[in-house]
PDB file of N, CA and C in Angstrom:
ATOM      1  N   UNK A   1      71.733  11.034  43.642  1.00  0.00           N
ATOM      2  CA  UNK A   1      71.252  10.162  42.655  1.00  0.00           C
ATOM      3  C   UNK A   1      69.834   9.519  43.184  1.00  0.00           C
ATOM      4  N   UNK A   2      68.766   9.985  42.552  1.00  0.00           N
ATOM      5  CA  UNK A   2      67.505   9.299  43.062  1.00  0.00           C
ATOM      6  C   UNK A   2      67.220   8.075  42.201  1.00  0.00           C
ATOM      7  N   UNK A   3      66.574   7.028  42.795  1.00  0.00           N
ATOM      8  CA  UNK A   3      66.329   5.873  42.244  1.00  0.00           C
ATOM      9  C   UNK A   3      65.388   6.158  40.918  1.00  0.00           C
ATOM     10  N   UNK A   4      64.444   7.031  41.190  1.00  0.00           N
ATOM     11  CA  UNK A   4      63.491   7.337  39.964  1.00  0.00           C
ATOM     12  C   UNK A   4      64.225   7.860  38.710  1.00  0.00           C
ATOM     13  N   UNK A   5      65.333   8.541  38.974  1.00  0.00           N
ATOM     14  CA  UNK A   5      66.004   9.089  37.845  1.00  0.00           C
ATOM     15  C   UNK A   5      66.863   7.936  37.117  1.00  0.00           C
ATOM     16  N   UNK A   6      67.244   7.012  37.841  1.00  0.00           N
ATOM     17  CA  UNK A   6      68.088   5.855  37.425  1.00  0.00           C
ATOM     18  C   UNK A   6      67.351   4.739  36.703  1.00  0.00           C
ATOM     19  N   UNK A   7      66.220   4.377  37.288  1.00  0.00           N
ATOM     20  CA  UNK A   7      65.386   3.272  36.823  1.00  0.00           C
ATOM     21  C   UNK A   7      64.060   3.970  36.497  1.00  0.00           C
ATOM     22  N   UNK A   8      63.612   4.024  35.180  1.00  0.00           N
ATOM     23  CA  UNK A   8      62.341   4.522  34.749  1.00  0.00           C
ATOM     24  C   UNK A   8      61.516   3.413  34.231  1.00  0.00           C
ATOM     25  N   UNK A   9      60.281   3.684  34.352  1.00  0.00           N
ATOM     26  CA  UNK A   9      59.192   2.673  33.981  1.00  0.00           C
ATOM     27  C   UNK A   9      59.417   2.049  32.570  1.00  0.00           C
ATOM     28  N   UNK A  10      59.787   3.005  31.635  1.00  0.00           N
ATOM     29  CA  UNK A  10      59.883   2.626  30.164  1.00  0.00           C
ATOM     30  C   UNK A  10      61.155   1.669  30.002  1.00  0.00           C
ATOM     31  N   UNK A  11      61.987   1.704  31.064  1.00  0.00           N
ATOM     32  CA  UNK A  11      63.205   0.804  30.988  1.00  0.00           C
ATOM     33  C   UNK A  11      63.031  -0.634  31.576  1.00  0.00           C
ATOM     34  N   UNK A  12      61.821  -0.964  31.904  1.00  0.00           N
ATOM     35  CA  UNK A  12      61.509  -2.362  32.488  1.00  0.00           C
ATOM     36  C   UNK A  12      60.697  -3.010  31.311  1.00  0.00           C
ATOM     37  N   UNK A  13      61.092  -4.164  31.020  1.00  0.00           N
ATOM     38  CA  UNK A  13      60.432  -4.999  30.109  1.00  0.00           C
ATOM     39  C   UNK A  13      60.201  -6.365  30.591  1.00  0.00           C
ATOM     40  N   UNK A  14      58.950  -6.668  30.782  1.00  0.00           N
ATOM     41  CA  UNK A  14      58.519  -8.022  31.419  1.00  0.00           C
ATOM     42  C   UNK A  14      57.997  -8.900  30.292  1.00  0.00           C
ATOM     43  N   UNK A  15      58.000 -10.208  30.589  1.00  0.00           N
ATOM     44  CA  UNK A  15      57.413 -11.220  29.843  1.00  0.00           C
ATOM     45  C   UNK A  15      58.040 -11.380  28.417  1.00  0.00           C
ATOM     46  N   UNK A  16      59.326 -11.150  28.413  1.00  0.00           N
ATOM     47  CA  UNK A  16      59.922 -11.275  26.966  1.00  0.00           C
ATOM     48  C   UNK A  16      60.128 -12.717  26.600  1.00  0.00           C
ATOM     49  N   UNK A  17      60.030 -12.845  25.299  1.00  0.00           N
ATOM     50  CA  UNK A  17      60.456 -14.192  24.617  1.00  0.00           C
ATOM     51  C   UNK A  17      61.967 -14.555  25.002  1.00  0.00           C
ATOM     52  N   UNK A  18      62.217 -15.784  25.200  1.00  0.00           N
ATOM     53  CA  UNK A  18      63.624 -16.110  25.280  1.00  0.00           C
ATOM     54  C   UNK A  18      64.427 -15.757  24.044  1.00  0.00           C
ATOM     55  N   UNK A  19      65.713 -15.326  24.359  1.00  0.00           N
ATOM     56  CA  UNK A  19      66.667 -14.993  23.349  1.00  0.00           C
ATOM     57  C   UNK A  19      67.895 -15.521  23.724  1.00  0.00           C
ATOM     58  N   UNK A  20      68.988 -15.254  22.967  1.00  0.00           N
ATOM     59  CA  UNK A  20      70.409 -15.591  23.332  1.00  0.00           C
ATOM     60  C   UNK A  20      70.850 -14.533  24.312  1.00  0.00           C
ATOM     61  N   UNK A  21      71.830 -14.899  25.141  1.00  0.00           N
ATOM     62  CA  UNK A  21      72.488 -13.960  25.967  1.00  0.00           C
ATOM     63  C   UNK A  21      72.992 -12.710  25.281  1.00  0.00           C
ATOM     64  N   UNK A  22      73.507 -12.845  24.039  1.00  0.00           N
ATOM     65  CA  UNK A  22      74.102 -11.880  23.152  1.00  0.00           C
ATOM     66  C   UNK A  22      72.973 -10.808  22.988  1.00  0.00           C
ATOM     67  N   UNK A  23      71.899 -11.446  22.383  1.00  0.00           N
ATOM     68  CA  UNK A  23      70.793 -10.574  22.141  1.00  0.00           C
ATOM     69  C   UNK A  23      70.202  -9.834  23.356  1.00  0.00           C
ATOM     70  N   UNK A  24      70.110 -10.491  24.413  1.00  0.00           N
ATOM     71  CA  UNK A  24      69.692  -9.727  25.695  1.00  0.00           C
ATOM     72  C   UNK A  24      70.772  -8.570  26.222  1.00  0.00           C
ATOM     73  N   UNK A  25      71.982  -8.793  25.856  1.00  0.00           N
ATOM     74  CA  UNK A  25      72.934  -7.699  26.192  1.00  0.00           C
ATOM     75  C   UNK A  25      72.731  -6.630  25.247  1.00  0.00           C
ATOM     76  N   UNK A  26      72.672  -6.949  24.014  1.00  0.00           N
ATOM     77  CA  UNK A  26      72.410  -5.871  23.039  1.00  0.00           C
ATOM     78  C   UNK A  26      71.048  -5.039  23.228  1.00  0.00           C
ATOM     79  N   UNK A  27      70.050  -5.852  23.587  1.00  0.00           N
ATOM     80  CA  UNK A  27      68.806  -5.103  24.018  1.00  0.00           C
ATOM     81  C   UNK A  27      68.914  -4.278  25.249  1.00  0.00           C
ATOM     82  N   UNK A  28      69.640  -4.632  26.279  1.00  0.00           N
ATOM     83  CA  UNK A  28      69.858  -3.932  27.445  1.00  0.00           C
ATOM     84  C   UNK A  28      70.688  -2.685  27.093  1.00  0.00           C
ATOM     85  N   UNK A  29      71.771  -2.882  26.347  1.00  0.00           N
ATOM     86  CA  UNK A  29      72.654  -1.823  25.933  1.00  0.00           C
ATOM     87  C   UNK A  29      71.881  -0.793  25.029  1.00  0.00           C
ATOM     88  N   UNK A  30      71.128  -1.304  24.104  1.00  0.00           N
ATOM     89  CA  UNK A  30      70.336  -0.283  23.272  1.00  0.00           C
ATOM     90  C   UNK A  30      69.397   0.447  24.060  1.00  0.00           C
ATOM     91  N   UNK A  31      68.760  -0.128  25.202  1.00  0.00           N
ATOM     92  CA  UNK A  31      67.841   0.585  25.931  1.00  0.00           C
ATOM     93  C   UNK A  31      68.594   1.870  26.581  1.00  0.00           C
ATOM     94  N   UNK A  32      69.782   1.354  27.139  1.00  0.00           N
ATOM     95  CA  UNK A  32      70.690   2.439  27.794  1.00  0.00           C
ATOM     96  C   UNK A  32      71.045   3.611  26.862  1.00  0.00           C
ATOM     97  N   UNK A  33      71.264   3.166  25.610  1.00  0.00           N
ATOM     98  CA  UNK A  33      71.619   4.213  24.569  1.00  0.00           C
ATOM     99  C   UNK A  33      70.489   5.001  24.309  1.00  0.00           C
ATOM    100  N   UNK A  34      69.218   4.477  24.088  1.00  0.00           N
ATOM    101  CA  UNK A  34      68.004   5.202  23.821  1.00  0.00           C
ATOM    102  C   UNK A  34      67.537   6.074  24.973  1.00  0.00           C
ATOM    103  N   UNK A  35      67.962   5.710  26.077  1.00  0.00           N
ATOM    104  CA  UNK A  35      67.572   6.487  27.323  1.00  0.00           C
ATOM    105  C   UNK A  35      68.641   7.627  27.361  1.00  0.00           C
ATOM    106  N   UNK A  36      69.553   7.682  26.661  1.00  0.00           N
ATOM    107  CA  UNK A  36      70.613   8.851  26.770  1.00  0.00           C
ATOM    108  C   UNK A  36      71.515   8.564  27.917  1.00  0.00           C
ATOM    109  N   UNK A  37      71.805   7.463  28.239  1.00  0.00           N
ATOM    110  CA  UNK A  37      72.715   7.093  29.405  1.00  0.00           C
ATOM    111  C   UNK A  37      74.223   6.939  28.878  1.00  0.00           C
ATOM    112  N   UNK A  38      74.156   6.341  27.734  1.00  0.00           N
ATOM    113  CA  UNK A  38      75.538   5.916  27.333  1.00  0.00           C
ATOM    114  C   UNK A  38      75.564   6.067  25.663  1.00  0.00           C
ATOM    115  N   UNK A  39      76.921   6.117  25.235  1.00  0.00           N
ATOM    116  CA  UNK A  39      76.999   6.222  23.815  1.00  0.00           C
ATOM    117  C   UNK A  39      76.978   4.762  23.261  1.00  0.00           C
ATOM    118  N   UNK A  40      76.739   4.608  22.039  1.00  0.00           N
ATOM    119  CA  UNK A  40      76.558   3.181  21.459  1.00  0.00           C
ATOM    120  C   UNK A  40      77.672   2.343  21.653  1.00  0.00           C
ATOM    121  N   UNK A  41      78.922   2.963  21.782  1.00  0.00           N
ATOM    122  CA  UNK A  41      80.129   2.127  21.857  1.00  0.00           C
ATOM    123  C   UNK A  41      80.026   1.299  23.192  1.00  0.00           C
ATOM    124  N   UNK A  42      79.214   1.779  24.218  1.00  0.00           N
ATOM    125  CA  UNK A  42      79.029   1.119  25.448  1.00  0.00           C
ATOM    126  C   UNK A  42      78.727  -0.246  25.287  1.00  0.00           C
ATOM    127  N   UNK A  43      77.911  -0.572  24.358  1.00  0.00           N
ATOM    128  CA  UNK A  43      77.407  -1.972  24.158  1.00  0.00           C
ATOM    129  C   UNK A  43      78.631  -2.933  23.943  1.00  0.00           C
ATOM    130  N   UNK A  44      79.655  -2.456  23.199  1.00  0.00           N
ATOM    131  CA  UNK A  44      80.827  -3.094  22.865  1.00  0.00           C
ATOM    132  C   UNK A  44      81.699  -3.456  24.207  1.00  0.00           C
ATOM    133  N   UNK A  45      81.512  -2.462  25.063  1.00  0.00           N
ATOM    134  CA  UNK A  45      82.342  -2.438  26.376  1.00  0.00           C
ATOM    135  C   UNK A  45      81.531  -3.469  27.203  1.00  0.00           C
ATOM    136  N   UNK A  46      80.174  -3.647  27.119  1.00  0.00           N
ATOM    137  CA  UNK A  46      79.462  -4.671  27.834  1.00  0.00           C
ATOM    138  C   UNK A  46      79.951  -6.030  27.427  1.00  0.00           C
ATOM    139  N   UNK A  47      80.146  -6.271  26.086  1.00  0.00           N
ATOM    140  CA  UNK A  47      80.584  -7.405  25.577  1.00  0.00           C
ATOM    141  C   UNK A  47      82.181  -7.774  26.004  1.00  0.00           C
ATOM    142  N   UNK A  48      82.966  -6.730  26.170  1.00  0.00           N
ATOM    143  CA  UNK A  48      84.280  -6.821  26.548  1.00  0.00           C
ATOM    144  C   UNK A  48      84.275  -7.291  27.987  1.00  0.00           C
ATOM    145  N   UNK A  49      83.456  -6.819  28.905  1.00  0.00           N
ATOM    146  CA  UNK A  49      83.326  -7.231  30.272  1.00  0.00           C
ATOM    147  C   UNK A  49      82.936  -8.832  30.289  1.00  0.00           C
ATOM    148  N   UNK A  50      81.986  -9.021  29.456  1.00  0.00           N
ATOM    149  CA  UNK A  50      81.445 -10.399  29.350  1.00  0.00           C
ATOM    150  C   UNK A  50      82.545 -11.453  28.962  1.00  0.00           C
ATOM    151  N   UNK A  51      83.560 -10.965  28.041  1.00  0.00           N
ATOM    152  CA  UNK A  51      84.805 -11.855  27.889  1.00  0.00           C
ATOM    153  C   UNK A  51      85.614 -12.036  28.904  1.00  0.00           C
ATOM    154  N   UNK A  52      85.768 -11.063  29.688  1.00  0.00           N
ATOM    155  CA  UNK A  52      86.691 -11.090  30.942  1.00  0.00           C
ATOM    156  C   UNK A  52      86.155 -12.029  32.091  1.00  0.00           C
ATOM    157  N   UNK A  53      84.856 -11.740  32.334  1.00  0.00           N
ATOM    158  CA  UNK A  53      84.240 -12.557  33.436  1.00  0.00           C
ATOM    159  C   UNK A  53      82.661 -12.430  33.211  1.00  0.00           C
ATOM    160  N   UNK A  54      81.963 -13.446  33.311  1.00  0.00           N
ATOM    161  CA  UNK A  54      80.515 -13.613  33.167  1.00  0.00           C
ATOM    162  C   UNK A  54      79.763 -12.553  34.287  1.00  0.00           C
ATOM    163  N   UNK A  55      78.846 -11.950  33.671  1.00  0.00           N
ATOM    164  CA  UNK A  55      78.122 -11.051  34.688  1.00  0.00           C
ATOM    165  C   UNK A  55      76.804 -11.771  35.249  1.00  0.00           C
ATOM    166  N   UNK A  56      76.765 -13.019  35.072  1.00  0.00           N
ATOM    167  CA  UNK A  56      75.769 -13.829  35.635  1.00  0.00           C
ATOM    168  C   UNK A  56      76.187 -13.913  37.131  1.00  0.00           C
ATOM    169  N   UNK A  57      75.351 -13.440  38.089  1.00  0.00           N
ATOM    170  CA  UNK A  57      75.700 -13.456  39.426  1.00  0.00           C
ATOM    171  C   UNK A  57      74.974 -14.575  40.296  1.00  0.00           C
ATOM    172  N   UNK A  58      74.168 -15.383  39.695  1.00  0.00           N
ATOM    173  CA  UNK A  58      73.482 -16.512  40.317  1.00  0.00           C
ATOM    174  C   UNK A  58      71.960 -16.114  40.561  1.00  0.00           C
ATOM    175  N   UNK A  59      71.291 -16.986  41.025  1.00  0.00           N
ATOM    176  CA  UNK A  59      69.771 -16.949  41.377  1.00  0.00           C
ATOM    177  C   UNK A  59      69.139 -16.400  40.096  1.00  0.00           C
ATOM    178  N   UNK A  60      69.553 -16.783  38.868  1.00  0.00           N
ATOM    179  CA  UNK A  60      68.776 -16.420  37.729  1.00  0.00           C
ATOM    180  C   UNK A  60      68.892 -15.028  37.138  1.00  0.00           C
ATOM    181  N   UNK A  61      69.958 -14.294  37.765  1.00  0.00           N
ATOM    182  CA  UNK A  61      70.173 -12.719  37.553  1.00  0.00           C
ATOM    183  C   UNK A  61      71.610 -12.650  36.933  1.00  0.00           C
ATOM    184  N   UNK A  62      71.645 -11.727  35.890  1.00  0.00           N
ATOM    185  CA  UNK A  62      72.823 -11.253  35.261  1.00  0.00           C
ATOM    186  C   UNK A  62      72.750  -9.724  35.318  1.00  0.00           C
ATOM    187  N   UNK A  63      73.842  -9.056  35.420  1.00  0.00           N
ATOM    188  CA  UNK A  63      74.074  -7.704  35.408  1.00  0.00           C
ATOM    189  C   UNK A  63      75.100  -7.190  34.479  1.00  0.00           C
ATOM    190  N   UNK A  64      74.688  -7.254  33.126  1.00  0.00           N
ATOM    191  CA  UNK A  64      75.825  -6.719  32.139  1.00  0.00           C
ATOM    192  C   UNK A  64      76.080  -5.325  32.273  1.00  0.00           C
ATOM    193  N   UNK A  65      77.351  -4.958  32.225  1.00  0.00           N
ATOM    194  CA  UNK A  65      77.876  -3.565  32.222  1.00  0.00           C
ATOM    195  C   UNK A  65      79.206  -3.568  31.665  1.00  0.00           C
ATOM    196  N   UNK A  66      79.583  -2.232  31.359  1.00  0.00           N
ATOM    197  CA  UNK A  66      80.850  -2.119  30.680  1.00  0.00           C
ATOM    198  C   UNK A  66      82.137  -2.312  31.447  1.00  0.00           C
ATOM    199  N   UNK A  67      83.293  -2.361  30.918  1.00  0.00           N
ATOM    200  CA  UNK A  67      84.480  -2.494  31.618  1.00  0.00           C
ATOM    201  C   UNK A  67      85.028  -1.097  32.173  1.00  0.00           C
ATOM    202  N   UNK A  68      85.832  -1.089  33.008  1.00  0.00           N
ATOM    203  CA  UNK A  68      86.267   0.198  33.693  1.00  0.00           C
ATOM    204  C   UNK A  68      86.565   1.301  32.911  1.00  0.00           C
ATOM    205  N   UNK A  69      87.428   1.008  31.692  1.00  0.00           N
ATOM    206  CA  UNK A  69      87.840   1.915  30.859  1.00  0.00           C
ATOM    207  C   UNK A  69      86.707   2.604  29.913  1.00  0.00           C
ATOM    208  N   UNK A  70      85.421   2.066  30.066  1.00  0.00           N
ATOM    209  CA  UNK A  70      84.333   2.619  29.310  1.00  0.00           C
ATOM    210  C   UNK A  70      83.604   3.750  30.058  1.00  0.00           C
ATOM    211  N   UNK A  71      84.064   4.183  31.205  1.00  0.00           N
ATOM    212  CA  UNK A  71      83.432   5.224  31.997  1.00  0.00           C
ATOM    213  C   UNK A  71      83.231   6.414  31.082  1.00  0.00           C
ATOM    214  N   UNK A  72      84.098   6.814  30.174  1.00  0.00           N
ATOM    215  CA  UNK A  72      83.833   8.165  29.426  1.00  0.00           C
ATOM    216  C   UNK A  72      82.805   7.860  28.478  1.00  0.00           C
ATOM    217  N   UNK A  73      82.236   6.635  28.201  1.00  0.00           N
ATOM    218  CA  UNK A  73      81.133   6.392  27.389  1.00  0.00           C
ATOM    219  C   UNK A  73      79.791   6.672  28.077  1.00  0.00           C
ATOM    220  N   UNK A  74      79.790   6.877  29.486  1.00  0.00           N
ATOM    221  CA  UNK A  74      78.485   6.989  30.207  1.00  0.00           C
ATOM    222  C   UNK A  74      78.191   8.514  30.274  1.00  0.00           C
ATOM    223  N   UNK A  75      76.936   8.732  29.875  1.00  0.00           N
ATOM    224  CA  UNK A  75      76.517  10.190  30.033  1.00  0.00           C
ATOM    225  C   UNK A  75      75.754  10.444  31.320  1.00  0.00           C
ATOM    226  N   UNK A  76      74.995   9.313  31.770  1.00  0.00           N
ATOM    227  CA  UNK A  76      74.345   9.573  33.016  1.00  0.00           C
ATOM    228  C   UNK A  76      74.020   8.075  33.478  1.00  0.00           C
ATOM    229  N   UNK A  77      73.746   7.986  34.826  1.00  0.00           N
ATOM    230  CA  UNK A  77      73.556   6.668  35.330  1.00  0.00           C
ATOM    231  C   UNK A  77      72.152   6.189  34.884  1.00  0.00           C
ATOM    232  N   UNK A  78      72.120   4.805  34.616  1.00  0.00           N
ATOM    233  CA  UNK A  78      70.776   4.366  34.265  1.00  0.00           C
ATOM    234  C   UNK A  78      70.793   2.830  34.501  1.00  0.00           C
ATOM    235  N   UNK A  79      69.617   2.177  34.622  1.00  0.00           N
ATOM    236  CA  UNK A  79      69.214   0.740  34.838  1.00  0.00           C
ATOM    237  C   UNK A  79      68.208   0.485  33.949  1.00  0.00           C
ATOM    238  N   UNK A  80      68.414  -0.829  33.198  1.00  0.00           N
ATOM    239  CA  UNK A  80      67.192  -1.344  32.590  1.00  0.00           C
ATOM    240  C   UNK A  80      67.061  -2.699  32.987  1.00  0.00           C
ATOM    241  N   UNK A  81      65.776  -3.251  32.945  1.00  0.00           N
ATOM    242  CA  UNK A  81      65.472  -4.617  33.519  1.00  0.00           C
ATOM    243  C   UNK A  81      64.687  -5.349  32.448  1.00  0.00           C
ATOM    244  N   UNK A  82      65.132  -6.553  32.097  1.00  0.00           N
ATOM    245  CA  UNK A  82      64.621  -7.439  31.168  1.00  0.00           C
ATOM    246  C   UNK A  82      64.211  -8.646  31.817  1.00  0.00           C
ATOM    247  N   UNK A  83      63.066  -9.004  31.659  1.00  0.00           N
ATOM    248  CA  UNK A  83      62.588 -10.308  32.336  1.00  0.00           C
ATOM    249  C   UNK A  83      62.194 -11.373  31.468  1.00  0.00           C
ATOM    250  N   UNK A  84      62.812 -12.569  31.452  1.00  0.00           N
ATOM    251  CA  UNK A  84      62.546 -13.727  30.623  1.00  0.00           C
ATOM    252  C   UNK A  84      61.918 -14.775  31.422  1.00  0.00           C
ATOM    253  N   UNK A  85      60.659 -14.917  31.443  1.00  0.00           N
ATOM    254  CA  UNK A  85      59.862 -15.844  32.221  1.00  0.00           C
ATOM    255  C   UNK A  85      60.372 -17.318  31.962  1.00  0.00           C
ATOM    256  N   UNK A  86      60.638 -17.709  30.834  1.00  0.00           N
ATOM    257  CA  UNK A  86      61.092 -19.084  30.559  1.00  0.00           C
ATOM    258  C   UNK A  86      62.623 -19.217  30.536  1.00  0.00           C
ATOM    259  N   UNK A  87      63.238 -18.231  30.852  1.00  0.00           N
ATOM    260  CA  UNK A  87      64.735 -18.168  31.012  1.00  0.00           C
ATOM    261  C   UNK A  87      65.464 -18.176  29.677  1.00  0.00           C
ATOM    262  N   UNK A  88      66.724 -17.749  29.776  1.00  0.00           N
ATOM    263  CA  UNK A  88      67.660 -17.771  28.724  1.00  0.00           C
ATOM    264  C   UNK A  88      68.922 -18.414  29.277  1.00  0.00           C
ATOM    265  N   UNK A  89      69.735 -18.948  28.181  1.00  0.00           N
ATOM    266  CA  UNK A  89      71.023 -19.501  28.497  1.00  0.00           C
ATOM    267  C   UNK A  89      72.025 -18.381  28.680  1.00  0.00           C
ATOM    268  N   UNK A  90      72.616 -18.193  29.742  1.00  0.00           N
ATOM    269  CA  UNK A  90      73.620 -17.147  29.945  1.00  0.00           C
ATOM    270  C   UNK A  90      74.836 -17.779  30.628  1.00  0.00           C
ATOM    271  N   UNK A  91      75.739 -18.057  29.623  1.00  0.00           N
ATOM    272  CA  UNK A  91      76.958 -18.733  30.018  1.00  0.00           C
ATOM    273  C   UNK A  91      76.766 -20.052  30.870  1.00  0.00           C
ATOM    274  N   UNK A  92      76.001 -20.920  30.221  1.00  0.00           N
ATOM    275  CA  UNK A  92      75.602 -22.225  30.891  1.00  0.00           C
ATOM    276  C   UNK A  92      74.823 -22.055  32.158  1.00  0.00           C
ATOM    277  N   UNK A  93      74.146 -20.949  32.327  1.00  0.00           N
ATOM    278  CA  UNK A  93      73.288 -20.780  33.512  1.00  0.00           C
ATOM    279  C   UNK A  93      71.902 -20.367  32.956  1.00  0.00           C
ATOM    280  N   UNK A  94      70.864 -20.683  33.724  1.00  0.00           N
ATOM    281  CA  UNK A  94      69.529 -20.246  33.297  1.00  0.00           C
ATOM    282  C   UNK A  94      69.225 -18.826  34.006  1.00  0.00           C
ATOM    283  N   UNK A  95      69.039 -17.742  33.201  1.00  0.00           N
ATOM    284  CA  UNK A  95      68.865 -16.510  33.454  1.00  0.00           C
ATOM    285  C   UNK A  95      67.457 -16.035  33.321  1.00  0.00           C
ATOM    286  N   UNK A  96      66.826 -15.306  34.270  1.00  0.00           N
ATOM    287  CA  UNK A  96      65.476 -14.906  34.101  1.00  0.00           C
ATOM    288  C   UNK A  96      65.304 -13.435  34.216  1.00  0.00           C
ATOM    289  N   UNK A  97      66.366 -12.777  34.783  1.00  0.00           N
ATOM    290  CA  UNK A  97      66.396 -11.265  34.889  1.00  0.00           C
ATOM    291  C   UNK A  97      67.827 -10.780  34.292  1.00  0.00           C
ATOM    292  N   UNK A  98      67.725  -9.798  33.284  1.00  0.00           N
ATOM    293  CA  UNK A  98      69.006  -9.241  32.778  1.00  0.00           C
ATOM    294  C   UNK A  98      68.880  -7.843  33.247  1.00  0.00           C
ATOM    295  N   UNK A  99      69.702  -7.288  34.007  1.00  0.00           N
ATOM    296  CA  UNK A  99      69.642  -5.883  34.599  1.00  0.00           C
ATOM    297  C   UNK A  99      70.996  -5.192  34.038  1.00  0.00           C
ATOM    298  N   UNK A 100      70.708  -4.305  32.976  1.00  0.00           N
ATOM    299  CA  UNK A 100      71.820  -3.648  32.400  1.00  0.00           C
ATOM    300  C   UNK A 100      71.980  -2.421  33.225  1.00  0.00           C
ATOM    301  N   UNK A 101      73.318  -2.082  33.596  1.00  0.00           N
ATOM    302  CA  UNK A 101      73.533  -0.944  34.262  1.00  0.00           C
ATOM    303  C   UNK A 101      74.648   0.024  33.617  1.00  0.00           C
ATOM    304  N   UNK A 102      74.701   1.188  33.931  1.00  0.00           N
ATOM    305  CA  UNK A 102      75.618   2.217  33.698  1.00  0.00           C
ATOM    306  C   UNK A 102      75.726   3.115  34.651  1.00  0.00           C
ATOM    307  N   UNK A 103      76.916   3.354  35.281  1.00  0.00           N
ATOM    308  CA  UNK A 103      77.077   4.280  36.564  1.00  0.00           C
ATOM    309  C   UNK A 103      78.051   5.318  36.320  1.00  0.00           C
ATOM    310  N   UNK A 104      77.555   6.557  36.127  1.00  0.00           N
ATOM    311  CA  UNK A 104      78.301   7.765  36.052  1.00  0.00           C
ATOM    312  C   UNK A 104      78.969   8.016  37.321  1.00  0.00           C
ATOM    313  N   UNK A 105      80.296   8.235  37.161  1.00  0.00           N
ATOM    314  CA  UNK A 105      81.026   8.798  38.491  1.00  0.00           C
ATOM    315  C   UNK A 105      81.049   7.703  39.563  1.00  0.00           C
ATOM    316  N   UNK A 106      81.197   6.449  39.293  1.00  0.00           N
ATOM    317  CA  UNK A 106      81.098   5.432  40.249  1.00  0.00           C
ATOM    318  C   UNK A 106      79.739   5.202  40.863  1.00  0.00           C
ATOM    319  N   UNK A 107      78.587   5.674  40.386  1.00  0.00           N
ATOM    320  CA  UNK A 107      77.301   5.437  40.678  1.00  0.00           C
ATOM    321  C   UNK A 107      77.061   3.937  40.742  1.00  0.00           C
ATOM    322  N   UNK A 108      77.710   3.095  39.745  1.00  0.00           N
ATOM    323  CA  UNK A 108      77.388   1.779  39.641  1.00  0.00           C
ATOM    324  C   UNK A 108      77.509   0.976  41.061  1.00  0.00           C
ATOM    325  N   UNK A 109      78.364   1.413  41.928  1.00  0.00           N
ATOM    326  CA  UNK A 109      78.476   0.835  43.282  1.00  0.00           C
ATOM    327  C   UNK A 109      77.178   1.116  43.994  1.00  0.00           C
ATOM    328  N   UNK A 110      76.736   2.363  44.003  1.00  0.00           N
ATOM    329  CA  UNK A 110      75.377   2.560  44.664  1.00  0.00           C
ATOM    330  C   UNK A 110      74.298   1.850  44.067  1.00  0.00           C
ATOM    331  N   UNK A 111      74.121   1.852  42.654  1.00  0.00           N
ATOM    332  CA  UNK A 111      73.208   1.104  41.986  1.00  0.00           C
ATOM    333  C   UNK A 111      73.194  -0.398  42.387  1.00  0.00           C
ATOM    334  N   UNK A 112      74.372  -0.955  42.477  1.00  0.00           N
ATOM    335  CA  UNK A 112      74.365  -2.386  42.684  1.00  0.00           C
ATOM    336  C   UNK A 112      74.087  -2.666  44.269  1.00  0.00           C
ATOM    337  N   UNK A 113      74.422  -1.705  45.149  1.00  0.00           N
ATOM    338  CA  UNK A 113      73.963  -1.888  46.349  1.00  0.00           C
ATOM    339  C   UNK A 113      72.587  -1.727  46.658  1.00  0.00           C
ATOM    340  N   UNK A 114      71.898  -0.935  45.971  1.00  0.00           N
ATOM    341  CA  UNK A 114      70.443  -0.792  46.092  1.00  0.00           C
ATOM    342  C   UNK A 114      69.793  -2.064  45.505  1.00  0.00           C
TER     343      UNK A 114
END
């Protein structure tokens, strides 16, 4: 798994206007869909994960991703990065970076590590 294959320049969006966390998750999921990384149902799995536990990890960063049972919806590993300079409300936290991930065959562990 090369980093360039997982994170592509067109999947980085900087200087975005603030939106709701739900809109940010939809945007991240849609970008993963448009990149051929996941099926559209993966976006639902991202919200399912969020309902279980917030994917806000601190320091202004959230890493939305699908629940474990959504592995079959992942076609290939991918990462998308959304930057909100003015921040967004993410489960009562201020979030500046939303990093959507989809890891094929447990690649998400390597992705998170990198």
